Amino acid sequence: MKLIRTIRLDPSDTFVFERAAEPGEWAVSGAFAFWNADADTLEGKARSAFRSGFLGVESLGWSTLVQIVEASAVDRAALVERLAQQLVANFGAPDMGAARSAADEEVTFAESLCNHPSDTLIAVHRASEDGDVREAFRTLHPRGDRKPMRAFSFLEVEGEEQPGDEVNLVALAADKNAGPR
């Protein structure tokens, strides 16, 4: 079976999101994290997480990209259990039974994204349309042989083209380095 893990090809996630996922965490789409938010009013880093983040299950941090990797049934069961724990502790799930059921659905959805070769990267674009959240996924495939990936070694992109928000990483980095106000 295959699941998704967070990957960081450059430091931009640490500027774009309030909390960046650690590289290599098991991940899920994470749209549920915004169930009680008005997506149209989100700003700054919360808006970035909504529009383009995958949720790292361990840290509850965000990642712009995830990588499809081979996983075992034991890995999947541990992922469901950890996500269930997070749902109870941080998202208001009423009990572990309900949380496990919801976590299993999230992991099943993440698995459905993995119908590509291992090492394929996936990006998400989320939008709110008439109160509903719409997710579109794009895949990035390594070109040529399967050597370790570098940020600019991708040639093929599949998925819907989405209008992009322009993100000024230099300004975000300067703001982060300025410290608390």
C-alpha atoms as a PDB file:
ATOM      1  CA  MET A   1       0.000   0.000   0.000  1.00  0.00           C
ATOM      2  CA  LYS A   2       1.018   3.620  -0.369  1.00  0.00           C
ATOM      3  CA  LEU A   3       0.520   6.642   1.855  1.00  0.00           C
ATOM      4  CA  ILE A   4       1.738  10.232   1.826  1.00  0.00           C
ATOM      5  CA  ARG A   5       4.526  11.841   3.824  1.00  0.00           C
ATOM      6  CA  THR A   6       5.448  15.485   4.100  1.00  0.00           C
ATOM      7  CA  ILE A   7       8.505  16.657   2.195  1.00  0.00           C
ATOM      8  CA  ARG A   8      10.386  19.935   2.310  1.00  0.00           C
ATOM      9  CA  LEU A   9      12.395  20.804  -0.805  1.00  0.00           C
ATOM     10  CA  ASP A  10      13.257  24.288   0.432  1.00  0.00           C
ATOM     11  CA  PRO A  11      12.599  26.355   3.589  1.00  0.00           C
ATOM     12  CA  SER A  12       9.527  28.179   2.214  1.00  0.00           C
ATOM     13  CA  ASP A  13       7.029  26.223   4.358  1.00  0.00           C
ATOM     14  CA  THR A  14       8.645  27.701   7.468  1.00  0.00           C
ATOM     15  CA  PHE A  15       7.781  31.197   6.163  1.00  0.00           C
ATOM     16  CA  VAL A  16       4.416  30.472   4.562  1.00  0.00           C
ATOM     17  CA  PHE A  17       2.720  28.546   7.409  1.00  0.00           C
ATOM     18  CA  GLU A  18       2.349  29.370  11.091  1.00  0.00           C
ATOM     19  CA  ARG A  19       3.638  25.882  11.865  1.00  0.00           C
ATOM     20  CA  ALA A  20       5.488  23.884   9.211  1.00  0.00           C
ATOM     21  CA  ALA A  21       5.297  20.099   9.284  1.00  0.00           C
ATOM     22  CA  GLU A  22       8.540  18.272   9.825  1.00  0.00           C
ATOM     23  CA  PRO A  23       9.822  16.493   6.721  1.00  0.00           C
ATOM     24  CA  GLY A  24       8.853  12.824   6.616  1.00  0.00           C
ATOM     25  CA  GLU A  25       5.692  12.985   8.747  1.00  0.00           C
ATOM     26  CA  TRP A  26       2.695  10.929   7.711  1.00  0.00           C
ATOM     27  CA  ALA A  27       0.174  13.326   6.238  1.00  0.00           C
ATOM     28  CA  VAL A  28      -3.478  13.737   5.346  1.00  0.00           C
ATOM     29  CA  SER A  29      -5.282  16.382   3.342  1.00  0.00           C
ATOM     30  CA  GLY A  30      -6.190  18.275   6.497  1.00  0.00           C
ATOM     31  CA  ALA A  31      -9.195  20.192   5.154  1.00  0.00           C
ATOM     32  CA  PHE A  32     -11.077  19.149   8.315  1.00  0.00           C
ATOM     33  CA  ALA A  33      -8.861  21.532  10.298  1.00  0.00           C
ATOM     34  CA  PHE A  34     -10.910  24.376   8.809  1.00  0.00           C
ATOM     35  CA  TRP A  35     -14.385  22.959   9.486  1.00  0.00           C
ATOM     36  CA  ASN A  36     -15.343  25.832  11.781  1.00  0.00           C
ATOM     37  CA  ALA A  37     -13.547  28.622   9.899  1.00  0.00           C
ATOM     38  CA  ASP A  38     -14.972  30.966   7.309  1.00  0.00           C
ATOM     39  CA  ALA A  39     -12.478  30.292   4.526  1.00  0.00           C
ATOM     40  CA  ASP A  40     -13.330  33.586   2.837  1.00  0.00           C
ATOM     41  CA  THR A  41     -12.119  35.562   5.840  1.00  0.00           C
ATOM     42  CA  LEU A  42      -8.860  33.692   6.480  1.00  0.00           C
ATOM     43  CA  GLU A  43      -5.772  35.841   6.123  1.00  0.00           C
ATOM     44  CA  GLY A  44      -2.011  35.450   6.046  1.00  0.00           C
ATOM     45  CA  LYS A  45      -0.542  32.152   7.139  1.00  0.00           C
ATOM     46  CA  ALA A  46      -3.931  30.616   7.988  1.00  0.00           C
ATOM     47  CA  ARG A  47      -5.091  31.402   4.451  1.00  0.00           C
ATOM     48  CA  SER A  48      -1.940  29.795   3.055  1.00  0.00           C
ATOM     49  CA  ALA A  49      -2.562  26.633   5.089  1.00  0.00           C
ATOM     50  CA  PHE A  50      -6.155  26.487   3.890  1.00  0.00           C
ATOM     51  CA  ARG A  51      -5.308  27.071   0.239  1.00  0.00           C
ATOM     52  CA  SER A  52      -2.249  24.862  -0.150  1.00  0.00           C
ATOM     53  CA  GLY A  53      -1.391  22.824   2.932  1.00  0.00           C
ATOM     54  CA  PHE A  54      -1.296  19.132   3.758  1.00  0.00           C
ATOM     55  CA  LEU A  55      -1.488  18.378   7.464  1.00  0.00           C
ATOM     56  CA  GLY A  56       1.417  16.557   9.109  1.00  0.00           C
ATOM     57  CA  VAL A  57      -0.269  14.203  11.577  1.00  0.00           C
ATOM     58  CA  GLU A  58       2.401  14.235  14.277  1.00  0.00           C
ATOM     59  CA  SER A  59       3.128  17.977  14.496  1.00  0.00           C
ATOM     60  CA  LEU A  60      -0.168  19.295  13.109  1.00  0.00           C
ATOM     61  CA  GLY A  61       2.039  21.483  10.951  1.00  0.00           C
ATOM     62  CA  TRP A  62       1.518  22.177   7.268  1.00  0.00           C
ATOM     63  CA  SER A  63       3.430  21.102   4.185  1.00  0.00           C
ATOM     64  CA  THR A  64       3.062  22.420   0.642  1.00  0.00           C
ATOM     65  CA  LEU A  65       4.050  19.074  -0.837  1.00  0.00           C
ATOM     66  CA  VAL A  66       3.672  15.432   0.090  1.00  0.00           C
ATOM     67  CA  GLN A  67       5.445  12.427  -1.371  1.00  0.00           C
ATOM     68  CA  ILE A  68       3.873   9.083  -2.168  1.00  0.00           C
ATOM     69  CA  VAL A  69       5.734   6.341  -0.297  1.00  0.00           C
ATOM     70  CA  GLU A  70       5.353   2.622   0.287  1.00  0.00           C
ATOM     71  CA  ALA A  71       3.726   1.774   3.625  1.00  0.00           C
ATOM     72  CA  SER A  72       2.756  -1.321   5.550  1.00  0.00           C
ATOM     73  CA  ALA A  73      -0.520  -2.229   7.220  1.00  0.00           C
ATOM     74  CA  VAL A  74       1.213  -1.534  10.544  1.00  0.00           C
ATOM     75  CA  ASP A  75       2.153   1.979   9.318  1.00  0.00           C
ATOM     76  CA  ARG A  76      -1.448   2.608   8.268  1.00  0.00           C
ATOM     77  CA  ALA A  77      -2.876   1.398  11.574  1.00  0.00           C
ATOM     78  CA  ALA A  78      -0.422   3.572  13.531  1.00  0.00           C
ATOM     79  CA  LEU A  79      -1.330   6.574  11.357  1.00  0.00           C
ATOM     80  CA  VAL A  80      -5.053   6.076  11.974  1.00  0.00           C
ATOM     81  CA  GLU A  81      -4.460   5.725  15.721  1.00  0.00           C
ATOM     82  CA  ARG A  82      -2.242   8.833  15.946  1.00  0.00           C
ATOM     83  CA  LEU A  83      -4.659  10.914  13.886  1.00  0.00           C
ATOM     84  CA  ALA A  84      -7.534   9.717  16.104  1.00  0.00           C
ATOM     85  CA  GLN A  85      -5.581  10.839  19.174  1.00  0.00           C
ATOM     86  CA  GLN A  86      -5.009  14.248  17.561  1.00  0.00           C
ATOM     87  CA  LEU A  87      -8.711  14.536  16.677  1.00  0.00           C
ATOM     88  CA  VAL A  88      -9.699  13.974  20.313  1.00  0.00           C
ATOM     89  CA  ALA A  89      -6.974  16.196  21.793  1.00  0.00           C
ATOM     90  CA  ASN A  90      -7.082  19.079  19.307  1.00  0.00           C
ATOM     91  CA  PHE A  91     -10.239  18.995  17.185  1.00  0.00           C
ATOM     92  CA  GLY A  92     -13.055  18.180  19.596  1.00  0.00           C
ATOM     93  CA  ALA A  93     -13.818  14.572  18.629  1.00  0.00           C
ATOM     94  CA  PRO A  94     -16.183  13.236  21.310  1.00  0.00           C
ATOM     95  CA  ASP A  95     -14.394   9.929  21.891  1.00  0.00           C
ATOM     96  CA  MET A  96     -11.756   7.608  20.438  1.00  0.00           C
ATOM     97  CA  GLY A  97     -14.334   5.472  18.625  1.00  0.00           C
ATOM     98  CA  ALA A  98     -15.693   8.413  16.658  1.00  0.00           C
ATOM     99  CA  ALA A  99     -12.171   9.750  16.173  1.00  0.00           C
ATOM    100  CA  ARG A 100     -10.895   6.416  14.801  1.00  0.00           C
ATOM    101  CA  SER A 101     -13.742   6.306  12.324  1.00  0.00           C
ATOM    102  CA  ALA A 102     -13.023   9.860  11.140  1.00  0.00           C
ATOM    103  CA  ALA A 103      -9.272   9.192  11.068  1.00  0.00           C
ATOM    104  CA  ASP A 104      -9.795   6.050   9.000  1.00  0.00           C
ATOM    105  CA  GLU A 105     -11.829   8.088   6.482  1.00  0.00           C
ATOM    106  CA  GLU A 106      -9.061  10.700   6.258  1.00  0.00           C
ATOM    107  CA  VAL A 107      -6.375   8.054   5.745  1.00  0.00           C
ATOM    108  CA  THR A 108      -8.516   6.262   3.150  1.00  0.00           C
ATOM    109  CA  PHE A 109      -8.828   9.551   1.280  1.00  0.00           C
ATOM    110  CA  ALA A 110      -5.045  10.076   1.496  1.00  0.00           C
ATOM    111  CA  GLU A 111      -4.565   6.559   0.096  1.00  0.00           C
ATOM    112  CA  SER A 112      -6.816   7.441  -2.836  1.00  0.00           C
ATOM    113  CA  LEU A 113      -4.273  10.088  -3.866  1.00  0.00           C
ATOM    114  CA  CYS A 114      -1.550   7.446  -4.141  1.00  0.00           C
ATOM    115  CA  ASN A 115      -2.451   5.907  -7.500  1.00  0.00           C
ATOM    116  CA  HIS A 116       0.856   7.140  -8.931  1.00  0.00           C
ATOM    117  CA  PRO A 117       4.370   5.709  -8.645  1.00  0.00           C
ATOM    118  CA  SER A 118       6.264   6.048  -5.369  1.00  0.00           C
ATOM    119  CA  ASP A 119       8.239   9.304  -5.078  1.00  0.00           C
ATOM    120  CA  THR A 120       5.561  11.261  -6.946  1.00  0.00           C
ATOM    121  CA  LEU A 121       4.908  14.599  -5.256  1.00  0.00           C
ATOM    122  CA  ILE A 122       1.417  15.970  -4.742  1.00  0.00           C
ATOM    123  CA  ALA A 123       0.294  19.568  -4.247  1.00  0.00           C
ATOM    124  CA  VAL A 124      -3.187  20.709  -3.213  1.00  0.00           C
ATOM    125  CA  HIS A 125      -5.225  23.790  -4.017  1.00  0.00           C
ATOM    126  CA  ARG A 126      -8.266  24.430  -1.827  1.00  0.00           C
ATOM    127  CA  ALA A 127     -10.992  26.948  -2.412  1.00  0.00           C
ATOM    128  CA  SER A 128     -14.291  27.768  -0.789  1.00  0.00           C
ATOM    129  CA  GLU A 129     -17.212  27.767  -3.205  1.00  0.00           C
ATOM    130  CA  ASP A 130     -20.706  28.531  -1.905  1.00  0.00           C
ATOM    131  CA  GLY A 131     -19.726  27.358   1.566  1.00  0.00           C
ATOM    132  CA  ASP A 132     -18.204  24.098   0.355  1.00  0.00           C
ATOM    133  CA  VAL A 133     -14.496  23.315   0.302  1.00  0.00           C
ATOM    134  CA  ARG A 134     -13.180  22.173  -3.069  1.00  0.00           C
ATOM    135  CA  GLU A 135      -9.801  20.455  -3.298  1.00  0.00           C
ATOM    136  CA  ALA A 136      -7.821  19.987  -6.496  1.00  0.00           C
ATOM    137  CA  PHE A 137      -4.612  17.945  -6.524  1.00  0.00           C
ATOM    138  CA  ARG A 138      -1.642  18.144  -8.862  1.00  0.00           C
ATOM    139  CA  THR A 139       1.121  15.603  -9.186  1.00  0.00           C
ATOM    140  CA  LEU A 140       4.761  16.222  -9.955  1.00  0.00           C
ATOM    141  CA  HIS A 141       6.695  13.274 -11.320  1.00  0.00           C
ATOM    142  CA  PRO A 142      10.490  12.968 -11.186  1.00  0.00           C
ATOM    143  CA  ARG A 143      11.963  13.194 -14.640  1.00  0.00           C
ATOM    144  CA  GLY A 144      14.401  10.632 -15.928  1.00  0.00           C
ATOM    145  CA  ASP A 145      15.865   8.113 -13.531  1.00  0.00           C
ATOM    146  CA  ARG A 146      14.817   7.844  -9.906  1.00  0.00           C
ATOM    147  CA  LYS A 147      17.752   9.574  -8.254  1.00  0.00           C
ATOM    148  CA  PRO A 148      17.071  11.570  -5.092  1.00  0.00           C
ATOM    149  CA  MET A 149      14.822  14.486  -5.913  1.00  0.00           C
ATOM    150  CA  ARG A 150      15.875  18.096  -6.004  1.00  0.00           C
ATOM    151  CA  ALA A 151      13.542  21.068  -6.059  1.00  0.00           C
ATOM    152  CA  PHE A 152      13.998  21.723  -9.783  1.00  0.00           C
ATOM    153  CA  SER A 153      14.196  18.152 -11.073  1.00  0.00           C
ATOM    154  CA  PHE A 154      10.509  17.837 -11.960  1.00  0.00           C
ATOM    155  CA  LEU A 155       9.289  17.995 -15.478  1.00  0.00           C
ATOM    156  CA  GLU A 156       5.811  16.551 -15.619  1.00  0.00           C
ATOM    157  CA  VAL A 157       2.835  18.100 -13.836  1.00  0.00           C
ATOM    158  CA  GLU A 158      -0.653  16.593 -13.861  1.00  0.00           C
ATOM    159  CA  GLY A 159      -3.866  18.076 -12.535  1.00  0.00           C
ATOM    160  CA  GLU A 160      -5.969  21.146 -12.788  1.00  0.00           C
ATOM    161  CA  GLU A 161      -4.335  24.456 -13.419  1.00  0.00           C
ATOM    162  CA  GLN A 162      -5.308  26.806 -10.625  1.00  0.00           C
ATOM    163  CA  PRO A 163      -5.048  30.552 -10.403  1.00  0.00           C
ATOM    164  CA  GLY A 164      -2.302  31.180  -7.902  1.00  0.00           C
ATOM    165  CA  ASP A 165      -1.973  33.657  -5.136  1.00  0.00           C
ATOM    166  CA  GLU A 166       1.278  35.477  -5.361  1.00  0.00           C
ATOM    167  CA  VAL A 167       3.355  34.918  -2.258  1.00  0.00           C
ATOM    168  CA  ASN A 168       6.240  37.264  -1.533  1.00  0.00           C
ATOM    169  CA  LEU A 169       8.638  34.923   0.302  1.00  0.00           C
ATOM    170  CA  VAL A 170      11.190  37.694   0.844  1.00  0.00           C
ATOM    171  CA  ALA A 171       8.613  39.820   2.663  1.00  0.00           C
ATOM    172  CA  LEU A 172       7.421  36.829   4.694  1.00  0.00           C
ATOM    173  CA  ALA A 173      10.992  36.006   5.694  1.00  0.00           C
ATOM    174  CA  ALA A 174      11.665  39.613   6.669  1.00  0.00           C
ATOM    175  CA  ASP A 175       8.472  39.645   8.729  1.00  0.00           C
ATOM    176  CA  LYS A 176       9.444  36.400  10.483  1.00  0.00           C
ATOM    177  CA  ASN A 177      12.956  37.728  11.228  1.00  0.00           C
ATOM    178  CA  ALA A 178      11.535  40.979  12.632  1.00  0.00           C
ATOM    179  CA  GLY A 179      10.237  39.123  15.667  1.00  0.00           C
ATOM    180  CA  PRO A 180       7.091  39.761  17.732  1.00  0.00           C
ATOM    181  CA  ARG A 181       5.423  43.126  17.578  1.00  0.00           C
END
